[in-house]
Amino acid sequence: MKVFFVGLATLLCFAGGEALRCNVCKRKFLLFGCVQGSGETTCGWRERCVNIKASLGKLPLYYRLNCTSVLNCGKVRAPDESHLTYDYTCCNTDFCN
């Protein structure tokens, strides 16, 4: 019976953790800050705060802030024919992006 209560207490400690909170911005420019869609969000399980840098070649154009799957962290993607690349930089503390 003691083992049951110790296991239950351990489970409740881990389940009671707070979810990660992140900044949200659809378009952020270095000189102007967030110009579209600013706010806050709560990440889901296995998500991290992310700062996505959209670049044309080596020229950074804008940034996106949000949550993303841990599987995207550290990746560079080129999802369409616009010649833009998206560099995913993740962090795991509240409002770290």
PDB file of N, CA and C in Angstrom:
ATOM      1  N   MET A   1       0.826  -1.192   0.000  1.00  0.00           N
ATOM      2  CA  MET A   1       0.000   0.000   0.000  1.00  0.00           C
ATOM      3  C   MET A   1       0.870   1.255   0.000  1.00  0.00           C
ATOM      4  N   LYS A   2       1.990   1.230   0.749  1.00  0.00           N
ATOM      5  CA  LYS A   2       2.888   2.387   0.772  1.00  0.00           C
ATOM      6  C   LYS A   2       3.441   2.674  -0.615  1.00  0.00           C
ATOM      7  N   VAL A   3       3.762   1.596  -1.348  1.00  0.00           N
ATOM      8  CA  VAL A   3       4.313   1.756  -2.694  1.00  0.00           C
ATOM      9  C   VAL A   3       3.304   2.477  -3.586  1.00  0.00           C
ATOM     10  N   PHE A   4       2.035   2.136  -3.450  1.00  0.00           N
ATOM     11  CA  PHE A   4       0.988   2.782  -4.237  1.00  0.00           C
ATOM     12  C   PHE A   4       0.953   4.286  -3.980  1.00  0.00           C
ATOM     13  N   PHE A   5       0.975   4.685  -2.719  1.00  0.00           N
ATOM     14  CA  PHE A   5       0.903   6.108  -2.380  1.00  0.00           C
ATOM     15  C   PHE A   5       2.162   6.865  -2.797  1.00  0.00           C
ATOM     16  N   VAL A   6       3.317   6.229  -2.681  1.00  0.00           N
ATOM     17  CA  VAL A   6       4.559   6.866  -3.135  1.00  0.00           C
ATOM     18  C   VAL A   6       4.513   7.055  -4.648  1.00  0.00           C
ATOM     19  N   GLY A   7       4.050   6.034  -5.367  1.00  0.00           N
ATOM     20  CA  GLY A   7       3.927   6.135  -6.824  1.00  0.00           C
ATOM     21  C   GLY A   7       2.928   7.203  -7.228  1.00  0.00           C
ATOM     22  N   LEU A   8       1.808   7.262  -6.531  1.00  0.00           N
ATOM     23  CA  LEU A   8       0.791   8.270  -6.820  1.00  0.00           C
ATOM     24  C   LEU A   8       1.322   9.674  -6.555  1.00  0.00           C
ATOM     25  N   ALA A   9       2.020   9.858  -5.467  1.00  0.00           N
ATOM     26  CA  ALA A   9       2.596  11.167  -5.141  1.00  0.00           C
ATOM     27  C   ALA A   9       3.617  11.585  -6.194  1.00  0.00           C
ATOM     28  N   THR A  10       4.435  10.659  -6.649  1.00  0.00           N
ATOM     29  CA  THR A  10       5.427  10.959  -7.688  1.00  0.00           C
ATOM     30  C   THR A  10       4.735  11.359  -8.980  1.00  0.00           C
ATOM     31  N   LEU A  11       3.709  10.615  -9.365  1.00  0.00           N
ATOM     32  CA  LEU A  11       2.965  10.921 -10.583  1.00  0.00           C
ATOM     33  C   LEU A  11       2.331  12.301 -10.508  1.00  0.00           C
ATOM     34  N   LEU A  12       1.741  12.643  -9.391  1.00  0.00           N
ATOM     35  CA  LEU A  12       1.107  13.950  -9.233  1.00  0.00           C
ATOM     36  C   LEU A  12       2.127  15.079  -9.290  1.00  0.00           C
ATOM     37  N   CYS A  13       3.316  14.845  -8.798  1.00  0.00           N
ATOM     38  CA  CYS A  13       4.359  15.873  -8.862  1.00  0.00           C
ATOM     39  C   CYS A  13       4.723  16.184 -10.302  1.00  0.00           C
ATOM     40  N   PHE A  14       4.856  15.140 -11.125  1.00  0.00           N
ATOM     41  CA  PHE A  14       5.230  15.363 -12.522  1.00  0.00           C
ATOM     42  C   PHE A  14       4.057  15.884 -13.336  1.00  0.00           C
ATOM     43  N   ALA A  15       2.852  15.434 -13.052  1.00  0.00           N
ATOM     44  CA  ALA A  15       1.681  15.868 -13.808  1.00  0.00           C
ATOM     45  C   ALA A  15       1.295  17.292 -13.465  1.00  0.00           C
ATOM     46  N   GLY A  16       1.703  17.777 -12.304  1.00  0.00           N
ATOM     47  CA  GLY A  16       1.312  19.104 -11.875  1.00  0.00           C
ATOM     48  C   GLY A  16       2.168  20.217 -12.445  1.00  0.00           C
ATOM     49  N   GLY A  17       3.179  19.874 -13.236  1.00  0.00           N
ATOM     50  CA  GLY A  17       4.054  20.895 -13.805  1.00  0.00           C
ATOM     51  C   GLY A  17       3.290  21.827 -14.725  1.00  0.00           C
ATOM     52  N   GLU A  18       3.703  23.070 -14.735  1.00  0.00           N
ATOM     53  CA  GLU A  18       3.020  24.038 -15.575  1.00  0.00           C
ATOM     54  C   GLU A  18       3.503  23.940 -17.006  1.00  0.00           C
ATOM     55  N   ALA A  19       2.619  24.244 -17.949  1.00  0.00           N
ATOM     56  CA  ALA A  19       2.960  24.215 -19.367  1.00  0.00           C
ATOM     57  C   ALA A  19       3.836  25.415 -19.714  1.00  0.00           C
ATOM     58  N   LEU A  20       4.624  25.248 -20.743  1.00  0.00           N
ATOM     59  CA  LEU A  20       5.522  26.291 -21.223  1.00  0.00           C
ATOM     60  C   LEU A  20       4.726  27.404 -21.900  1.00  0.00           C
ATOM     61  N   ARG A  21       5.032  28.643 -21.565  1.00  0.00           N
ATOM     62  CA  ARG A  21       4.357  29.796 -22.174  1.00  0.00           C
ATOM     63  C   ARG A  21       5.340  30.537 -23.072  1.00  0.00           C
ATOM     64  N   CYS A  22       4.859  30.953 -24.245  1.00  0.00           N
ATOM     65  CA  CYS A  22       5.736  31.561 -25.250  1.00  0.00           C
ATOM     66  C   CYS A  22       5.115  32.817 -25.845  1.00  0.00           C
ATOM     67  N   ASN A  23       5.988  33.659 -26.383  1.00  0.00           N
ATOM     68  CA  ASN A  23       5.552  34.814 -27.155  1.00  0.00           C
ATOM     69  C   ASN A  23       5.074  34.346 -28.522  1.00  0.00           C
ATOM     70  N   VAL A  24       4.125  35.090 -29.092  1.00  0.00           N
ATOM     71  CA  VAL A  24       3.634  34.824 -30.438  1.00  0.00           C
ATOM     72  C   VAL A  24       3.759  36.103 -31.251  1.00  0.00           C
ATOM     73  N   CYS A  25       4.247  35.967 -32.463  1.00  0.00           N
ATOM     74  CA  CYS A  25       4.287  37.082 -33.405  1.00  0.00           C
ATOM     75  C   CYS A  25       4.380  36.497 -34.805  1.00  0.00           C
ATOM     76  N   LYS A  26       3.459  36.887 -35.690  1.00  0.00           N
ATOM     77  CA  LYS A  26       3.486  36.366 -37.056  1.00  0.00           C
ATOM     78  C   LYS A  26       4.575  37.012 -37.897  1.00  0.00           C
ATOM     79  N   ARG A  27       4.857  38.296 -37.656  1.00  0.00           N
ATOM     80  CA  ARG A  27       5.910  39.000 -38.389  1.00  0.00           C
ATOM     81  C   ARG A  27       6.629  39.945 -37.433  1.00  0.00           C
ATOM     82  N   LYS A  28       7.915  39.694 -37.230  1.00  0.00           N
ATOM     83  CA  LYS A  28       8.733  40.549 -36.378  1.00  0.00           C
ATOM     84  C   LYS A  28       9.951  40.990 -37.179  1.00  0.00           C
ATOM     85  N   PHE A  29      10.170  42.294 -37.217  1.00  0.00           N
ATOM     86  CA  PHE A  29      11.324  42.857 -37.913  1.00  0.00           C
ATOM     87  C   PHE A  29      12.284  43.431 -36.877  1.00  0.00           C
ATOM     88  N   LEU A  30      13.566  43.333 -37.148  1.00  0.00           N
ATOM     89  CA  LEU A  30      14.561  43.789 -36.176  1.00  0.00           C
ATOM     90  C   LEU A  30      14.372  45.247 -35.779  1.00  0.00           C
ATOM     91  N   LEU A  31      14.131  46.125 -36.738  1.00  0.00           N
ATOM     92  CA  LEU A  31      14.027  47.554 -36.435  1.00  0.00           C
ATOM     93  C   LEU A  31      12.667  47.975 -35.891  1.00  0.00           C
ATOM     94  N   PHE A  32      11.611  47.221 -36.226  1.00  0.00           N
ATOM     95  CA  PHE A  32      10.257  47.647 -35.874  1.00  0.00           C
ATOM     96  C   PHE A  32       9.596  46.793 -34.802  1.00  0.00           C
ATOM     97  N   GLY A  33      10.161  45.647 -34.477  1.00  0.00           N
ATOM     98  CA  GLY A  33       9.526  44.741 -33.530  1.00  0.00           C
ATOM     99  C   GLY A  33       8.387  43.987 -34.191  1.00  0.00           C
ATOM    100  N   CYS A  34       7.442  43.520 -33.394  1.00  0.00           N
ATOM    101  CA  CYS A  34       6.320  42.739 -33.911  1.00  0.00           C
ATOM    102  C   CYS A  34       5.313  43.662 -34.589  1.00  0.00           C
ATOM    103  N   VAL A  35       5.028  43.394 -35.849  1.00  0.00           N
ATOM    104  CA  VAL A  35       4.099  44.234 -36.600  1.00  0.00           C
ATOM    105  C   VAL A  35       2.807  43.501 -36.945  1.00  0.00           C
ATOM    106  N   GLN A  36       2.738  42.196 -36.647  1.00  0.00           N
ATOM    107  CA  GLN A  36       1.533  41.441 -36.981  1.00  0.00           C
ATOM    108  C   GLN A  36       1.362  40.271 -36.021  1.00  0.00           C
ATOM    109  N   GLY A  37       0.189  40.171 -35.426  1.00  0.00           N
ATOM    110  CA  GLY A  37      -0.187  38.994 -34.649  1.00  0.00           C
ATOM    111  C   GLY A  37       0.579  38.765 -33.363  1.00  0.00           C
ATOM    112  N   SER A  38       0.720  39.786 -32.534  1.00  0.00           N
ATOM    113  CA  SER A  38       1.474  39.601 -31.288  1.00  0.00           C
ATOM    114  C   SER A  38       0.572  39.070 -30.175  1.00  0.00           C
ATOM    115  N   GLY A  39       1.176  38.350 -29.247  1.00  0.00           N
ATOM    116  CA  GLY A  39       0.435  37.826 -28.109  1.00  0.00           C
ATOM    117  C   GLY A  39       1.251  36.794 -27.358  1.00  0.00           C
ATOM    118  N   GLU A  40       0.531  35.940 -26.638  1.00  0.00           N
ATOM    119  CA  GLU A  40       1.141  34.868 -25.856  1.00  0.00           C
ATOM    120  C   GLU A  40       0.381  33.584 -26.141  1.00  0.00           C
ATOM    121  N   THR A  41       1.051  32.447 -25.927  1.00  0.00           N
ATOM    122  CA  THR A  41       0.402  31.155 -26.099  1.00  0.00           C
ATOM    123  C   THR A  41       0.989  30.157 -25.115  1.00  0.00           C
ATOM    124  N   THR A  42       0.267  29.074 -24.911  1.00  0.00           N
ATOM    125  CA  THR A  42       0.737  27.979 -24.070  1.00  0.00           C
ATOM    126  C   THR A  42       1.034  26.790 -24.970  1.00  0.00           C
ATOM    127  N   CYS A  43       2.238  26.261 -24.862  1.00  0.00           N
ATOM    128  CA  CYS A  43       2.649  25.135 -25.702  1.00  0.00           C
ATOM    129  C   CYS A  43       2.016  23.837 -25.228  1.00  0.00           C
ATOM    130  N   GLY A  44       1.872  22.928 -26.160  1.00  0.00           N
ATOM    131  CA  GLY A  44       1.387  21.596 -25.850  1.00  0.00           C
ATOM    132  C   GLY A  44       2.523  20.688 -25.409  1.00  0.00           C
ATOM    133  N   TRP A  45       2.164  19.455 -25.134  1.00  0.00           N
ATOM    134  CA  TRP A  45       3.143  18.453 -24.720  1.00  0.00           C
ATOM    135  C   TRP A  45       4.143  18.235 -25.847  1.00  0.00           C
ATOM    136  N   ARG A  46       5.421  18.154 -25.531  1.00  0.00           N
ATOM    137  CA  ARG A  46       6.525  17.972 -26.477  1.00  0.00           C
ATOM    138  C   ARG A  46       6.643  19.132 -27.464  1.00  0.00           C
ATOM    139  N   GLU A  47       6.305  20.330 -27.013  1.00  0.00           N
ATOM    140  CA  GLU A  47       6.513  21.545 -27.800  1.00  0.00           C
ATOM    141  C   GLU A  47       7.449  22.476 -27.048  1.00  0.00           C
ATOM    142  N   ARG A  48       8.114  23.333 -27.784  1.00  0.00           N
ATOM    143  CA  ARG A  48       9.033  24.321 -27.230  1.00  0.00           C
ATOM    144  C   ARG A  48       8.717  25.679 -27.837  1.00  0.00           C
ATOM    145  N   CYS A  49       9.159  26.744 -27.159  1.00  0.00           N
ATOM    146  CA  CYS A  49       9.094  28.076 -27.748  1.00  0.00           C
ATOM    147  C   CYS A  49      10.062  28.099 -28.925  1.00  0.00           C
ATOM    148  N   VAL A  50       9.691  28.824 -29.965  1.00  0.00           N
ATOM    149  CA  VAL A  50      10.543  28.866 -31.153  1.00  0.00           C
ATOM    150  C   VAL A  50      10.639  30.284 -31.692  1.00  0.00           C
ATOM    151  N   ASN A  51      11.791  30.587 -32.235  1.00  0.00           N
ATOM    152  CA  ASN A  51      12.049  31.806 -32.985  1.00  0.00           C
ATOM    153  C   ASN A  51      12.436  31.323 -34.375  1.00  0.00           C
ATOM    154  N   ILE A  52      11.584  31.571 -35.367  1.00  0.00           N
ATOM    155  CA  ILE A  52      11.827  31.103 -36.727  1.00  0.00           C
ATOM    156  C   ILE A  52      12.317  32.280 -37.558  1.00  0.00           C
ATOM    157  N   LYS A  53      13.513  32.160 -38.091  1.00  0.00           N
ATOM    158  CA  LYS A  53      14.088  33.222 -38.921  1.00  0.00           C
ATOM    159  C   LYS A  53      13.824  32.889 -40.383  1.00  0.00           C
ATOM    160  N   ALA A  54      13.097  33.773 -41.071  1.00  0.00           N
ATOM    161  CA  ALA A  54      12.848  33.619 -42.502  1.00  0.00           C
ATOM    162  C   ALA A  54      13.902  34.425 -43.254  1.00  0.00           C
ATOM    163  N   SER A  55      14.623  33.744 -44.135  1.00  0.00           N
ATOM    164  CA  SER A  55      15.716  34.400 -44.857  1.00  0.00           C
ATOM    165  C   SER A  55      15.592  34.157 -46.350  1.00  0.00           C
ATOM    166  N   LEU A  56      16.107  35.110 -47.108  1.00  0.00           N
ATOM    167  CA  LEU A  56      16.261  34.970 -48.554  1.00  0.00           C
ATOM    168  C   LEU A  56      17.760  34.908 -48.794  1.00  0.00           C
ATOM    169  N   GLY A  57      18.259  33.713 -49.042  1.00  0.00           N
ATOM    170  CA  GLY A  57      19.706  33.528 -49.080  1.00  0.00           C
ATOM    171  C   GLY A  57      20.261  33.740 -47.681  1.00  0.00           C
ATOM    172  N   LYS A  58      21.224  34.630 -47.551  1.00  0.00           N
ATOM    173  CA  LYS A  58      21.794  34.943 -46.228  1.00  0.00           C
ATOM    174  C   LYS A  58      21.162  36.184 -45.605  1.00  0.00           C
ATOM    175  N   LEU A  59      20.197  36.783 -46.287  1.00  0.00           N
ATOM    176  CA  LEU A  59      19.552  38.003 -45.812  1.00  0.00           C
ATOM    177  C   LEU A  59      18.328  37.674 -44.951  1.00  0.00           C
ATOM    178  N   PRO A  60      18.379  37.934 -43.633  1.00  0.00           N
ATOM    179  CA  PRO A  60      17.195  37.716 -42.790  1.00  0.00           C
ATOM    180  C   PRO A  60      16.100  38.724 -43.149  1.00  0.00           C
ATOM    181  N   LEU A  61      14.881  38.234 -43.362  1.00  0.00           N
ATOM    182  CA  LEU A  61      13.767  39.115 -43.727  1.00  0.00           C
ATOM    183  C   LEU A  61      12.876  39.436 -42.533  1.00  0.00           C
ATOM    184  N   TYR A  62      12.460  38.414 -41.816  1.00  0.00           N
ATOM    185  CA  TYR A  62      11.597  38.610 -40.653  1.00  0.00           C
ATOM    186  C   TYR A  62      11.688  37.375 -39.764  1.00  0.00           C
ATOM    187  N   TYR A  63      11.045  37.469 -38.597  1.00  0.00           N
ATOM    188  CA  TYR A  63      11.031  36.379 -37.627  1.00  0.00           C
ATOM    189  C   TYR A  63       9.590  36.039 -37.275  1.00  0.00           C
ATOM    190  N   ARG A  64       9.362  34.797 -36.882  1.00  0.00           N
ATOM    191  CA  ARG A  64       8.077  34.348 -36.347  1.00  0.00           C
ATOM    192  C   ARG A  64       8.339  33.769 -34.965  1.00  0.00           C
ATOM    193  N   LEU A  65       7.461  34.077 -34.024  1.00  0.00           N
ATOM    194  CA  LEU A  65       7.558  33.543 -32.664  1.00  0.00           C
ATOM    195  C   LEU A  65       6.317  32.713 -32.382  1.00  0.00           C
ATOM    196  N   ASN A  66       6.501  31.534 -31.771  1.00  0.00           N
ATOM    197  CA  ASN A  66       5.367  30.675 -31.464  1.00  0.00           C
ATOM    198  C   ASN A  66       5.855  29.456 -30.690  1.00  0.00           C
ATOM    199  N   CYS A  67       5.044  28.392 -30.705  1.00  0.00           N
ATOM    200  CA  CYS A  67       5.441  27.078 -30.204  1.00  0.00           C
ATOM    201  C   CYS A  67       5.650  26.167 -31.412  1.00  0.00           C
ATOM    202  N   THR A  68       6.499  25.157 -31.244  1.00  0.00           N
ATOM    203  CA  THR A  68       6.686  24.164 -32.294  1.00  0.00           C
ATOM    204  C   THR A  68       7.032  22.823 -31.669  1.00  0.00           C
ATOM    205  N   SER A  69       6.857  21.772 -32.427  1.00  0.00           N
ATOM    206  CA  SER A  69       7.240  20.437 -31.975  1.00  0.00           C
ATOM    207  C   SER A  69       8.745  20.385 -31.739  1.00  0.00           C
ATOM    208  N   VAL A  70       9.158  19.617 -30.744  1.00  0.00           N
ATOM    209  CA  VAL A  70      10.592  19.462 -30.489  1.00  0.00           C
ATOM    210  C   VAL A  70      11.300  18.860 -31.700  1.00  0.00           C
ATOM    211  N   LEU A  71      10.565  18.203 -32.575  1.00  0.00           N
ATOM    212  CA  LEU A  71      11.163  17.605 -33.775  1.00  0.00           C
ATOM    213  C   LEU A  71      11.654  18.661 -34.761  1.00  0.00           C
ATOM    214  N   ASN A  72      11.107  19.877 -34.702  1.00  0.00           N
ATOM    215  CA  ASN A  72      11.531  20.956 -35.606  1.00  0.00           C
ATOM    216  C   ASN A  72      12.762  21.707 -35.105  1.00  0.00           C
ATOM    217  N   CYS A  73      13.058  21.594 -33.832  1.00  0.00           N
ATOM    218  CA  CYS A  73      14.130  22.392 -33.225  1.00  0.00           C
ATOM    219  C   CYS A  73      15.475  22.133 -33.895  1.00  0.00           C
ATOM    220  N   GLY A  74      16.150  23.228 -34.251  1.00  0.00           N
ATOM    221  CA  GLY A  74      17.463  23.141 -34.878  1.00  0.00           C
ATOM    222  C   GLY A  74      17.438  22.874 -36.368  1.00  0.00           C
ATOM    223  N   LYS A  75      16.257  22.775 -36.960  1.00  0.00           N
ATOM    224  CA  LYS A  75      16.161  22.467 -38.389  1.00  0.00           C
ATOM    225  C   LYS A  75      16.095  23.731 -39.226  1.00  0.00           C
ATOM    226  N   VAL A  76      16.483  23.597 -40.477  1.00  0.00           N
ATOM    227  CA  VAL A  76      16.323  24.648 -41.481  1.00  0.00           C
ATOM    228  C   VAL A  76      15.451  24.054 -42.576  1.00  0.00           C
ATOM    229  N   ARG A  77      14.362  24.737 -42.895  1.00  0.00           N
ATOM    230  CA  ARG A  77      13.409  24.220 -43.883  1.00  0.00           C
ATOM    231  C   ARG A  77      13.217  25.212 -45.024  1.00  0.00           C
ATOM    232  N   ALA A  78      12.927  24.667 -46.194  1.00  0.00           N
ATOM    233  CA  ALA A  78      12.570  25.463 -47.365  1.00  0.00           C
ATOM    234  C   ALA A  78      11.293  24.848 -47.942  1.00  0.00           C
ATOM    235  N   PRO A  79      10.119  25.197 -47.380  1.00  0.00           N
ATOM    236  CA  PRO A  79       8.896  24.462 -47.682  1.00  0.00           C
ATOM    237  C   PRO A  79       8.235  24.754 -49.030  1.00  0.00           C
ATOM    238  N   ASP A  80       8.608  25.818 -49.696  1.00  0.00           N
ATOM    239  CA  ASP A  80       7.911  26.137 -50.940  1.00  0.00           C
ATOM    240  C   ASP A  80       8.897  26.689 -51.969  1.00  0.00           C
ATOM    241  N   GLU A  81       8.372  27.175 -53.065  1.00  0.00           N
ATOM    242  CA  GLU A  81       9.216  27.679 -54.146  1.00  0.00           C
ATOM    243  C   GLU A  81       9.516  29.169 -54.023  1.00  0.00           C
ATOM    244  N   SER A  82       9.317  29.753 -52.851  1.00  0.00           N
ATOM    245  CA  SER A  82       9.551  31.190 -52.664  1.00  0.00           C
ATOM    246  C   SER A  82      11.025  31.508 -52.450  1.00  0.00           C
ATOM    247  N   HIS A  83      11.875  30.491 -52.370  1.00  0.00           N
ATOM    248  CA  HIS A  83      13.312  30.641 -52.120  1.00  0.00           C
ATOM    249  C   HIS A  83      13.609  31.119 -50.707  1.00  0.00           C
ATOM    250  N   LEU A  84      12.610  31.115 -49.830  1.00  0.00           N
ATOM    251  CA  LEU A  84      12.837  31.461 -48.429  1.00  0.00           C
ATOM    252  C   LEU A  84      13.249  30.209 -47.660  1.00  0.00           C
ATOM    253  N   THR A  85      14.116  30.387 -46.673  1.00  0.00           N
ATOM    254  CA  THR A  85      14.441  29.305 -45.748  1.00  0.00           C
ATOM    255  C   THR A  85      13.993  29.727 -44.354  1.00  0.00           C
ATOM    256  N   TYR A  86      13.628  28.751 -43.557  1.00  0.00           N
ATOM    257  CA  TYR A  86      13.145  28.993 -42.202  1.00  0.00           C
ATOM    258  C   TYR A  86      14.043  28.238 -41.229  1.00  0.00           C
ATOM    259  N   ASP A  87      14.720  28.984 -40.369  1.00  0.00           N
ATOM    260  CA  ASP A  87      15.665  28.432 -39.397  1.00  0.00           C
ATOM    261  C   ASP A  87      14.993  28.416 -38.023  1.00  0.00           C
ATOM    262  N   TYR A  88      14.800  27.218 -37.449  1.00  0.00           N
ATOM    263  CA  TYR A  88      14.086  27.035 -36.188  1.00  0.00           C
ATOM    264  C   TYR A  88      15.063  27.026 -35.015  1.00  0.00           C
ATOM    265  N   THR A  89      14.935  28.002 -34.118  1.00  0.00           N
ATOM    266  CA  THR A  89      15.733  28.050 -32.895  1.00  0.00           C
ATOM    267  C   THR A  89      14.783  27.944 -31.707  1.00  0.00           C
ATOM    268  N   CYS A  90      14.929  26.882 -30.929  1.00  0.00           N
ATOM    269  CA  CYS A  90      14.007  26.608 -29.823  1.00  0.00           C
ATOM    270  C   CYS A  90      14.636  26.898 -28.468  1.00  0.00           C
ATOM    271  N   CYS A  91      13.765  27.112 -27.487  1.00  0.00           N
ATOM    272  CA  CYS A  91      14.187  27.292 -26.099  1.00  0.00           C
ATOM    273  C   CYS A  91      13.082  26.738 -25.201  1.00  0.00           C
ATOM    274  N   ASN A  92      13.373  26.523 -23.932  1.00  0.00           N
ATOM    275  CA  ASN A  92      12.386  25.832 -23.094  1.00  0.00           C
ATOM    276  C   ASN A  92      12.154  26.476 -21.729  1.00  0.00           C
ATOM    277  N   THR A  93      12.162  27.804 -21.687  1.00  0.00           N
ATOM    278  CA  THR A  93      11.730  28.515 -20.485  1.00  0.00           C
ATOM    279  C   THR A  93      10.651  29.511 -20.891  1.00  0.00           C
ATOM    280  N   ASP A  94       9.803  29.895 -19.958  1.00  0.00           N
ATOM    281  CA  ASP A  94       8.696  30.799 -20.279  1.00  0.00           C
ATOM    282  C   ASP A  94       9.186  32.081 -20.946  1.00  0.00           C
ATOM    283  N   PHE A  95       8.552  32.416 -22.054  1.00  0.00           N
ATOM    284  CA  PHE A  95       8.786  33.648 -22.820  1.00  0.00           C
ATOM    285  C   PHE A  95      10.246  33.828 -23.239  1.00  0.00           C
ATOM    286  N   CYS A  96      10.939  32.732 -23.493  1.00  0.00           N
ATOM    287  CA  CYS A  96      12.356  32.795 -23.880  1.00  0.00           C
ATOM    288  C   CYS A  96      12.553  33.196 -25.333  1.00  0.00           C
ATOM    289  N   ASN A  97      11.483  33.187 -26.118  1.00  0.00           N
ATOM    290  CA  ASN A  97      11.615  33.550 -27.524  1.00  0.00           C
ATOM    291  C   ASN A  97      11.258  35.009 -27.742  1.00  0.00           C
TER     292      ASN A  97
END
